[in-house]
């Protein structure tokens, strides 16, 4: 779990999902610089670790939304502190 949470894209994806469910394209736009392949792999790992729920809506075209589980929400707060620390430290140096 620590290996997963220490990943840059994991921390950023969890942060992006803190405000509510997002579709893949919305996540990709929010996480500037992530490739579709890396984002897909990150979301699959988060889902496998029960940090993210993936809901498929039977519509045409299919709509898929990602949201944090209660476990994912509990990880969001400490990760937010880490992201804030990194942002403050990097801007000071």
PDB file of N, CA and C in Angstrom:
ATOM      1  N   UNK A   1       0.831  -1.192   0.000  1.00  0.00           N
ATOM      2  CA  UNK A   1       0.000   0.000   0.000  1.00  0.00           C
ATOM      3  C   UNK A   1       0.871   1.250   0.000  1.00  0.00           C
ATOM      4  N   UNK A   2       1.958   1.232   0.779  1.00  0.00           N
ATOM      5  CA  UNK A   2       2.838   2.397   0.834  1.00  0.00           C
ATOM      6  C   UNK A   2       3.452   2.679  -0.531  1.00  0.00           C
ATOM      7  N   UNK A   3       3.854   1.631  -1.225  1.00  0.00           N
ATOM      8  CA  UNK A   3       4.418   1.792  -2.565  1.00  0.00           C
ATOM      9  C   UNK A   3       3.405   2.456  -3.494  1.00  0.00           C
ATOM     10  N   UNK A   4       2.167   2.035  -3.412  1.00  0.00           N
ATOM     11  CA  UNK A   4       1.111   2.610  -4.251  1.00  0.00           C
ATOM     12  C   UNK A   4       0.871   4.074  -3.899  1.00  0.00           C
ATOM     13  N   UNK A   5       0.743   4.388  -2.621  1.00  0.00           N
ATOM     14  CA  UNK A   5       0.431   5.753  -2.192  1.00  0.00           C
ATOM     15  C   UNK A   5       1.594   6.712  -2.404  1.00  0.00           C
ATOM     16  N   UNK A   6       2.818   6.197  -2.432  1.00  0.00           N
ATOM     17  CA  UNK A   6       3.988   7.051  -2.622  1.00  0.00           C
ATOM     18  C   UNK A   6       4.191   7.439  -4.091  1.00  0.00           C
ATOM     19  N   UNK A   7       3.413   6.891  -4.985  1.00  0.00           N
ATOM     20  CA  UNK A   7       3.528   7.186  -6.413  1.00  0.00           C
ATOM     21  C   UNK A   7       2.957   8.571  -6.720  1.00  0.00           C
ATOM     22  N   UNK A   8       3.670   9.329  -7.533  1.00  0.00           N
ATOM     23  CA  UNK A   8       3.252  10.693  -7.894  1.00  0.00           C
ATOM     24  C   UNK A   8       1.833  10.736  -8.455  1.00  0.00           C
ATOM     25  N   UNK A   9       1.542   9.908  -9.445  1.00  0.00           N
ATOM     26  CA  UNK A   9       0.238   9.974 -10.104  1.00  0.00           C
ATOM     27  C   UNK A   9      -0.877   9.474  -9.195  1.00  0.00           C
ATOM     28  N   UNK A  10      -0.554   8.544  -8.294  1.00  0.00           N
ATOM     29  CA  UNK A  10      -1.547   8.085  -7.330  1.00  0.00           C
ATOM     30  C   UNK A  10      -1.971   9.227  -6.426  1.00  0.00           C
ATOM     31  N   UNK A  11      -0.991   9.923  -5.865  1.00  0.00           N
ATOM     32  CA  UNK A  11      -1.288  11.039  -4.959  1.00  0.00           C
ATOM     33  C   UNK A  11      -2.087  12.118  -5.668  1.00  0.00           C
ATOM     34  N   UNK A  12      -1.724  12.418  -6.910  1.00  0.00           N
ATOM     35  CA  UNK A  12      -2.434  13.464  -7.658  1.00  0.00           C
ATOM     36  C   UNK A  12      -3.839  13.013  -8.059  1.00  0.00           C
ATOM     37  N   UNK A  13      -3.995  11.746  -8.427  1.00  0.00           N
ATOM     38  CA  UNK A  13      -5.319  11.235  -8.805  1.00  0.00           C
ATOM     39  C   UNK A  13      -6.256  11.235  -7.601  1.00  0.00           C
ATOM     40  N   UNK A  14      -5.766  10.813  -6.452  1.00  0.00           N
ATOM     41  CA  UNK A  14      -6.592  10.833  -5.246  1.00  0.00           C
ATOM     42  C   UNK A  14      -6.982  12.273  -4.917  1.00  0.00           C
ATOM     43  N   UNK A  15      -6.046  13.188  -5.048  1.00  0.00           N
ATOM     44  CA  UNK A  15      -6.350  14.598  -4.812  1.00  0.00           C
ATOM     45  C   UNK A  15      -7.410  15.129  -5.758  1.00  0.00           C
ATOM     46  N   UNK A  16      -7.337  14.728  -7.012  1.00  0.00           N
ATOM     47  CA  UNK A  16      -8.316  15.179  -8.007  1.00  0.00           C
ATOM     48  C   UNK A  16      -9.707  14.625  -7.712  1.00  0.00           C
ATOM     49  N   UNK A  17      -9.763  13.440  -7.138  1.00  0.00           N
ATOM     50  CA  UNK A  17     -11.056  12.802  -6.855  1.00  0.00           C
ATOM     51  C   UNK A  17     -11.652  13.205  -5.505  1.00  0.00           C
ATOM     52  N   UNK A  18     -10.934  14.014  -4.736  1.00  0.00           N
ATOM     53  CA  UNK A  18     -11.437  14.432  -3.419  1.00  0.00           C
ATOM     54  C   UNK A  18     -12.758  15.191  -3.510  1.00  0.00           C
ATOM     55  N   UNK A  19     -12.946  15.944  -4.577  1.00  0.00           N
ATOM     56  CA  UNK A  19     -14.155  16.766  -4.709  1.00  0.00           C
ATOM     57  C   UNK A  19     -15.330  16.020  -5.315  1.00  0.00           C
ATOM     58  N   UNK A  20     -15.132  14.769  -5.684  1.00  0.00           N
ATOM     59  CA  UNK A  20     -16.232  13.986  -6.226  1.00  0.00           C
ATOM     60  C   UNK A  20     -15.831  13.200  -7.455  1.00  0.00           C
ATOM     61  N   UNK A  21     -16.779  12.406  -7.975  1.00  0.00           N
ATOM     62  CA  UNK A  21     -16.488  11.530  -9.118  1.00  0.00           C
ATOM     63  C   UNK A  21     -16.067  12.305 -10.361  1.00  0.00           C
ATOM     64  N   UNK A  22     -15.177  11.688 -11.126  1.00  0.00           N
ATOM     65  CA  UNK A  22     -14.735  12.249 -12.400  1.00  0.00           C
ATOM     66  C   UNK A  22     -14.661  11.145 -13.443  1.00  0.00           C
ATOM     67  N   UNK A  23     -14.847  11.547 -14.690  1.00  0.00           N
ATOM     68  CA  UNK A  23     -14.664  10.618 -15.803  1.00  0.00           C
ATOM     69  C   UNK A  23     -13.189  10.603 -16.179  1.00  0.00           C
ATOM     70  N   UNK A  24     -12.795   9.617 -16.961  1.00  0.00           N
ATOM     71  CA  UNK A  24     -11.392   9.446 -17.339  1.00  0.00           C
ATOM     72  C   UNK A  24     -10.844  10.713 -17.996  1.00  0.00           C
ATOM     73  N   UNK A  25     -11.584  11.260 -18.955  1.00  0.00           N
ATOM     74  CA  UNK A  25     -11.120  12.464 -19.657  1.00  0.00           C
ATOM     75  C   UNK A  25     -10.973  13.655 -18.728  1.00  0.00           C
ATOM     76  N   UNK A  26     -11.865  13.775 -17.770  1.00  0.00           N
ATOM     77  CA  UNK A  26     -11.776  14.864 -16.795  1.00  0.00           C
ATOM     78  C   UNK A  26     -10.536  14.699 -15.923  1.00  0.00           C
ATOM     79  N   UNK A  27     -10.265  13.464 -15.520  1.00  0.00           N
ATOM     80  CA  UNK A  27      -9.056  13.196 -14.734  1.00  0.00           C
ATOM     81  C   UNK A  27      -7.807  13.502 -15.546  1.00  0.00           C
ATOM     82  N   UNK A  28      -7.795  13.099 -16.800  1.00  0.00           N
ATOM     83  CA  UNK A  28      -6.631  13.338 -17.654  1.00  0.00           C
ATOM     84  C   UNK A  28      -6.364  14.830 -17.802  1.00  0.00           C
ATOM     85  N   UNK A  29      -7.422  15.622 -17.991  1.00  0.00           N
ATOM     86  CA  UNK A  29      -7.249  17.077 -18.108  1.00  0.00           C
ATOM     87  C   UNK A  29      -6.774  17.690 -16.793  1.00  0.00           C
ATOM     88  N   UNK A  30      -7.259  17.172 -15.688  1.00  0.00           N
ATOM     89  CA  UNK A  30      -6.866  17.680 -14.375  1.00  0.00           C
ATOM     90  C   UNK A  30      -5.409  17.353 -14.075  1.00  0.00           C
ATOM     91  N   UNK A  31      -4.977  16.156 -14.441  1.00  0.00           N
ATOM     92  CA  UNK A  31      -3.613  15.694 -14.167  1.00  0.00           C
ATOM     93  C   UNK A  31      -2.732  15.973 -15.376  1.00  0.00           C
ATOM     94  N   UNK A  32      -2.395  17.216 -15.571  1.00  0.00           N
ATOM     95  CA  UNK A  32      -1.599  17.614 -16.731  1.00  0.00           C
ATOM     96  C   UNK A  32      -0.296  16.829 -16.780  1.00  0.00           C
ATOM     97  N   UNK A  33      -0.006  16.276 -17.938  1.00  0.00           N
ATOM     98  CA  UNK A  33       1.234  15.554 -18.137  1.00  0.00           C
ATOM     99  C   UNK A  33       1.130  14.046 -18.032  1.00  0.00           C
ATOM    100  N   UNK A  34       0.026  13.535 -17.500  1.00  0.00           N
ATOM    101  CA  UNK A  34      -0.126  12.088 -17.394  1.00  0.00           C
ATOM    102  C   UNK A  34      -0.558  11.532 -18.746  1.00  0.00           C
ATOM    103  N   UNK A  35       0.019  10.402 -19.124  1.00  0.00           N
ATOM    104  CA  UNK A  35      -0.386   9.759 -20.367  1.00  0.00           C
ATOM    105  C   UNK A  35      -1.621   8.895 -20.088  1.00  0.00           C
ATOM    106  N   UNK A  36      -2.427   8.633 -21.121  1.00  0.00           N
ATOM    107  CA  UNK A  36      -3.584   7.760 -20.915  1.00  0.00           C
ATOM    108  C   UNK A  36      -3.191   6.389 -20.358  1.00  0.00           C
ATOM    109  N   UNK A  37      -2.073   5.857 -20.823  1.00  0.00           N
ATOM    110  CA  UNK A  37      -1.624   4.533 -20.368  1.00  0.00           C
ATOM    111  C   UNK A  37      -1.286   4.547 -18.874  1.00  0.00           C
ATOM    112  N   UNK A  38      -0.565   5.569 -18.432  1.00  0.00           N
ATOM    113  CA  UNK A  38      -0.184   5.669 -17.021  1.00  0.00           C
ATOM    114  C   UNK A  38      -1.414   5.925 -16.156  1.00  0.00           C
ATOM    115  N   UNK A  39      -2.317   6.790 -16.620  1.00  0.00           N
ATOM    116  CA  UNK A  39      -3.534   7.057 -15.854  1.00  0.00           C
ATOM    117  C   UNK A  39      -4.381   5.800 -15.727  1.00  0.00           C
ATOM    118  N   UNK A  40      -4.541   5.067 -16.801  1.00  0.00           N
ATOM    119  CA  UNK A  40      -5.309   3.829 -16.770  1.00  0.00           C
ATOM    120  C   UNK A  40      -4.703   2.826 -15.791  1.00  0.00           C
ATOM    121  N   UNK A  41      -3.391   2.660 -15.837  1.00  0.00           N
ATOM    122  CA  UNK A  41      -2.714   1.730 -14.930  1.00  0.00           C
ATOM    123  C   UNK A  41      -2.862   2.186 -13.482  1.00  0.00           C
ATOM    124  N   UNK A  42      -2.755   3.494 -13.242  1.00  0.00           N
ATOM    125  CA  UNK A  42      -2.898   4.040 -11.897  1.00  0.00           C
ATOM    126  C   UNK A  42      -4.298   3.778 -11.354  1.00  0.00           C
ATOM    127  N   UNK A  43      -5.313   4.040 -12.176  1.00  0.00           N
ATOM    128  CA  UNK A  43      -6.695   3.826 -11.742  1.00  0.00           C
ATOM    129  C   UNK A  43      -6.974   2.347 -11.473  1.00  0.00           C
ATOM    130  N   UNK A  44      -6.402   1.461 -12.280  1.00  0.00           N
ATOM    131  CA  UNK A  44      -6.580   0.022 -12.058  1.00  0.00           C
ATOM    132  C   UNK A  44      -5.951  -0.409 -10.738  1.00  0.00           C
ATOM    133  N   UNK A  45      -4.759   0.125 -10.444  1.00  0.00           N
ATOM    134  CA  UNK A  45      -4.095  -0.207  -9.176  1.00  0.00           C
ATOM    135  C   UNK A  45      -4.893   0.330  -7.988  1.00  0.00           C
ATOM    136  N   UNK A  46      -5.430   1.552  -8.125  1.00  0.00           N
ATOM    137  CA  UNK A  46      -6.227   2.139  -7.049  1.00  0.00           C
ATOM    138  C   UNK A  46      -7.517   1.351  -6.823  1.00  0.00           C
ATOM    139  N   UNK A  47      -8.115   0.893  -7.911  1.00  0.00           N
ATOM    140  CA  UNK A  47      -9.329   0.088  -7.792  1.00  0.00           C
ATOM    141  C   UNK A  47      -9.018  -1.259  -7.137  1.00  0.00           C
ATOM    142  N   UNK A  48      -7.923  -1.878  -7.533  1.00  0.00           N
ATOM    143  CA  UNK A  48      -7.535  -3.174  -6.959  1.00  0.00           C
ATOM    144  C   UNK A  48      -7.229  -3.061  -5.464  1.00  0.00           C
ATOM    145  N   UNK A  49      -6.762  -1.888  -5.034  1.00  0.00           N
ATOM    146  CA  UNK A  49      -6.440  -1.661  -3.623  1.00  0.00           C
ATOM    147  C   UNK A  49      -7.644  -1.135  -2.835  1.00  0.00           C
ATOM    148  N   UNK A  50      -8.804  -1.092  -3.475  1.00  0.00           N
ATOM    149  CA  UNK A  50     -10.050  -0.617  -2.848  1.00  0.00           C
ATOM    150  C   UNK A  50     -10.004   0.850  -2.433  1.00  0.00           C
ATOM    151  N   UNK A  51      -9.208   1.649  -3.144  1.00  0.00           N
ATOM    152  CA  UNK A  51      -9.142   3.086  -2.881  1.00  0.00           C
ATOM    153  C   UNK A  51     -10.070   3.868  -3.802  1.00  0.00           C
ATOM    154  N   UNK A  52     -10.391   3.275  -4.948  1.00  0.00           N
ATOM    155  CA  UNK A  52     -11.227   3.938  -5.964  1.00  0.00           C
ATOM    156  C   UNK A  52     -12.308   2.982  -6.427  1.00  0.00           C
ATOM    157  N   UNK A  53     -13.499   3.512  -6.619  1.00  0.00           N
ATOM    158  CA  UNK A  53     -14.597   2.768  -7.240  1.00  0.00           C
ATOM    159  C   UNK A  53     -14.707   3.181  -8.695  1.00  0.00           C
ATOM    160  N   UNK A  54     -14.982   2.218  -9.546  1.00  0.00           N
ATOM    161  CA  UNK A  54     -15.205   2.457 -10.971  1.00  0.00           C
ATOM    162  C   UNK A  54     -16.634   2.044 -11.269  1.00  0.00           C
ATOM    163  N   UNK A  55     -17.433   3.001 -11.747  1.00  0.00           N
ATOM    164  CA  UNK A  55     -18.839   2.722 -12.041  1.00  0.00           C
ATOM    165  C   UNK A  55     -19.065   2.929 -13.533  1.00  0.00           C
ATOM    166  N   UNK A  56     -19.608   1.901 -14.185  1.00  0.00           N
ATOM    167  CA  UNK A  56     -19.920   1.960 -15.610  1.00  0.00           C
ATOM    168  C   UNK A  56     -21.421   2.155 -15.758  1.00  0.00           C
ATOM    169  N   UNK A  57     -21.795   3.205 -16.480  1.00  0.00           N
ATOM    170  CA  UNK A  57     -23.204   3.488 -16.736  1.00  0.00           C
ATOM    171  C   UNK A  57     -23.556   2.953 -18.115  1.00  0.00           C
ATOM    172  N   UNK A  58     -24.628   2.176 -18.193  1.00  0.00           N
ATOM    173  CA  UNK A  58     -25.052   1.556 -19.453  1.00  0.00           C
ATOM    174  C   UNK A  58     -25.734   2.595 -20.332  1.00  0.00           C
ATOM    175  N   UNK A  59     -24.920   3.420 -20.945  1.00  0.00           N
ATOM    176  CA  UNK A  59     -25.401   4.458 -21.846  1.00  0.00           C
ATOM    177  C   UNK A  59     -24.657   4.319 -23.167  1.00  0.00           C
ATOM    178  N   UNK A  60     -25.136   5.006 -24.178  1.00  0.00           N
ATOM    179  CA  UNK A  60     -24.426   5.031 -25.451  1.00  0.00           C
ATOM    180  C   UNK A  60     -24.020   6.470 -25.716  1.00  0.00           C
ATOM    181  N   UNK A  61     -22.721   6.759 -25.738  1.00  0.00           N
ATOM    182  CA  UNK A  61     -21.602   5.850 -25.439  1.00  0.00           C
ATOM    183  C   UNK A  61     -21.521   5.566 -23.938  1.00  0.00           C
ATOM    184  N   UNK A  62     -20.775   4.507 -23.611  1.00  0.00           N
ATOM    185  CA  UNK A  62     -20.607   4.137 -22.205  1.00  0.00           C
ATOM    186  C   UNK A  62     -20.003   5.298 -21.426  1.00  0.00           C
ATOM    187  N   UNK A  63     -20.472   5.453 -20.207  1.00  0.00           N
ATOM    188  CA  UNK A  63     -19.920   6.481 -19.318  1.00  0.00           C
ATOM    189  C   UNK A  63     -19.347   5.761 -18.108  1.00  0.00           C
ATOM    190  N   UNK A  64     -18.097   6.092 -17.784  1.00  0.00           N
ATOM    191  CA  UNK A  64     -17.409   5.489 -16.648  1.00  0.00           C
ATOM    192  C   UNK A  64     -16.974   6.607 -15.712  1.00  0.00           C
ATOM    193  N   UNK A  65     -17.298   6.459 -14.438  1.00  0.00           N
ATOM    194  CA  UNK A  65     -16.892   7.441 -13.444  1.00  0.00           C
ATOM    195  C   UNK A  65     -16.041   6.778 -12.369  1.00  0.00           C
ATOM    196  N   UNK A  66     -15.072   7.533 -11.887  1.00  0.00           N
ATOM    197  CA  UNK A  66     -14.189   7.076 -10.819  1.00  0.00           C
ATOM    198  C   UNK A  66     -14.439   7.946  -9.598  1.00  0.00           C
ATOM    199  N   UNK A  67     -14.488   7.313  -8.436  1.00  0.00           N
ATOM    200  CA  UNK A  67     -14.689   8.046  -7.184  1.00  0.00           C
ATOM    201  C   UNK A  67     -13.894   7.358  -6.079  1.00  0.00           C
ATOM    202  N   UNK A  68     -13.627   8.103  -5.022  1.00  0.00           N
ATOM    203  CA  UNK A  68     -12.900   7.546  -3.890  1.00  0.00           C
ATOM    204  C   UNK A  68     -13.830   6.702  -3.025  1.00  0.00           C
ATOM    205  N   UNK A  69     -13.327   5.601  -2.547  1.00  0.00           N
ATOM    206  CA  UNK A  69     -14.027   4.783  -1.563  1.00  0.00           C
ATOM    207  C   UNK A  69     -13.782   5.419  -0.188  1.00  0.00           C
ATOM    208  N   UNK A  70     -14.438   4.943   0.848  1.00  0.00           N
ATOM    209  CA  UNK A  70     -14.120   5.450   2.196  1.00  0.00           C
ATOM    210  C   UNK A  70     -12.623   5.298   2.537  1.00  0.00           C
ATOM    211  N   UNK A  71     -12.020   4.190   2.106  1.00  0.00           N
ATOM    212  CA  UNK A  71     -10.580   4.007   2.337  1.00  0.00           C
ATOM    213  C   UNK A  71      -9.777   5.050   1.565  1.00  0.00           C
ATOM    214  N   UNK A  72     -10.177   5.313   0.324  1.00  0.00           N
ATOM    215  CA  UNK A  72      -9.509   6.338  -0.474  1.00  0.00           C
ATOM    216  C   UNK A  72      -9.649   7.716   0.137  1.00  0.00           C
ATOM    217  N   UNK A  73     -10.832   8.007   0.675  1.00  0.00           N
ATOM    218  CA  UNK A  73     -11.042   9.295   1.345  1.00  0.00           C
ATOM    219  C   UNK A  73     -10.154   9.423   2.576  1.00  0.00           C
ATOM    220  N   UNK A  74      -9.956   8.321   3.289  1.00  0.00           N
ATOM    221  CA  UNK A  74      -9.099   8.382   4.474  1.00  0.00           C
ATOM    222  C   UNK A  74      -7.634   8.593   4.090  1.00  0.00           C
ATOM    223  N   UNK A  75      -7.235   8.167   2.909  1.00  0.00           N
ATOM    224  CA  UNK A  75      -5.864   8.393   2.429  1.00  0.00           C
ATOM    225  C   UNK A  75      -5.693   9.796   1.858  1.00  0.00           C
ATOM    226  N   UNK A  76      -6.786  10.437   1.471  1.00  0.00           N
ATOM    227  CA  UNK A  76      -6.710  11.741   0.810  1.00  0.00           C
ATOM    228  C   UNK A  76      -6.127  12.821   1.705  1.00  0.00           C
ATOM    229  N   UNK A  77      -6.487  12.830   2.977  1.00  0.00           N
ATOM    230  CA  UNK A  77      -6.023  13.890   3.880  1.00  0.00           C
ATOM    231  C   UNK A  77      -4.512  13.872   4.083  1.00  0.00           C
ATOM    232  N   UNK A  78      -3.911  12.745   4.465  1.00  0.00           N
ATOM    233  CA  UNK A  78      -2.450  12.761   4.616  1.00  0.00           C
ATOM    234  C   UNK A  78      -1.727  13.040   3.298  1.00  0.00           C
ATOM    235  N   UNK A  79      -2.292  12.579   2.178  1.00  0.00           N
ATOM    236  CA  UNK A  79      -1.664  12.863   0.891  1.00  0.00           C
ATOM    237  C   UNK A  79      -1.751  14.348   0.550  1.00  0.00           C
ATOM    238  N   UNK A  80      -2.844  15.002   0.954  1.00  0.00           N
ATOM    239  CA  UNK A  80      -2.978  16.446   0.733  1.00  0.00           C
ATOM    240  C   UNK A  80      -1.899  17.190   1.507  1.00  0.00           C
ATOM    241  N   UNK A  81      -1.631  16.761   2.738  1.00  0.00           N
ATOM    242  CA  UNK A  81      -0.563  17.384   3.527  1.00  0.00           C
ATOM    243  C   UNK A  81       0.789  17.206   2.849  1.00  0.00           C
ATOM    244  N   UNK A  82       1.024  16.034   2.302  1.00  0.00           N
ATOM    245  CA  UNK A  82       2.278  15.777   1.597  1.00  0.00           C
ATOM    246  C   UNK A  82       2.395  16.644   0.348  1.00  0.00           C
ATOM    247  N   UNK A  83       1.311  16.732  -0.440  1.00  0.00           N
ATOM    248  CA  UNK A  83       1.331  17.583  -1.646  1.00  0.00           C
ATOM    249  C   UNK A  83       1.582  19.040  -1.268  1.00  0.00           C
ATOM    250  N   UNK A  84       0.935  19.517  -0.206  1.00  0.00           N
ATOM    251  CA  UNK A  84       1.141  20.900   0.241  1.00  0.00           C
ATOM    252  C   UNK A  84       2.580  21.132   0.676  1.00  0.00           C
ATOM    253  N   UNK A  85       3.146  20.186   1.406  1.00  0.00           N
ATOM    254  CA  UNK A  85       4.528  20.308   1.849  1.00  0.00           C
ATOM    255  C   UNK A  85       5.467  20.380   0.645  1.00  0.00           C
ATOM    256  N   UNK A  86       5.243  19.525  -0.339  1.00  0.00           N
ATOM    257  CA  UNK A  86       6.078  19.528  -1.542  1.00  0.00           C
ATOM    258  C   UNK A  86       5.958  20.867  -2.262  1.00  0.00           C
ATOM    259  N   UNK A  87       4.736  21.356  -2.427  1.00  0.00           N
ATOM    260  CA  UNK A  87       4.526  22.640  -3.118  1.00  0.00           C
ATOM    261  C   UNK A  87       5.210  23.784  -2.377  1.00  0.00           C
ATOM    262  N   UNK A  88       5.108  23.814  -1.068  1.00  0.00           N
ATOM    263  CA  UNK A  88       5.737  24.876  -0.282  1.00  0.00           C
ATOM    264  C   UNK A  88       7.248  24.773  -0.323  1.00  0.00           C
ATOM    265  N   UNK A  89       7.768  23.572  -0.214  1.00  0.00           N
ATOM    266  CA  UNK A  89       9.213  23.365  -0.182  1.00  0.00           C
ATOM    267  C   UNK A  89       9.851  23.655  -1.538  1.00  0.00           C
ATOM    268  N   UNK A  90       9.208  23.221  -2.591  1.00  0.00           N
ATOM    269  CA  UNK A  90       9.763  23.427  -3.942  1.00  0.00           C
ATOM    270  C   UNK A  90       9.770  24.913  -4.291  1.00  0.00           C
ATOM    271  N   UNK A  91       8.738  25.648  -3.907  1.00  0.00           N
ATOM    272  CA  UNK A  91       8.674  27.077  -4.238  1.00  0.00           C
ATOM    273  C   UNK A  91       9.657  27.891  -3.410  1.00  0.00           C
ATOM    274  N   UNK A  92      10.107  27.383  -2.256  1.00  0.00           N
ATOM    275  CA  UNK A  92      11.069  28.103  -1.426  1.00  0.00           C
ATOM    276  C   UNK A  92      12.489  27.936  -1.923  1.00  0.00           C
ATOM    277  N   UNK A  93      12.763  26.907  -2.681  1.00  0.00           N
ATOM    278  CA  UNK A  93      14.137  26.636  -3.124  1.00  0.00           C
ATOM    279  C   UNK A  93      14.326  26.904  -4.567  1.00  0.00           C
TER     280      UNK A  93
END
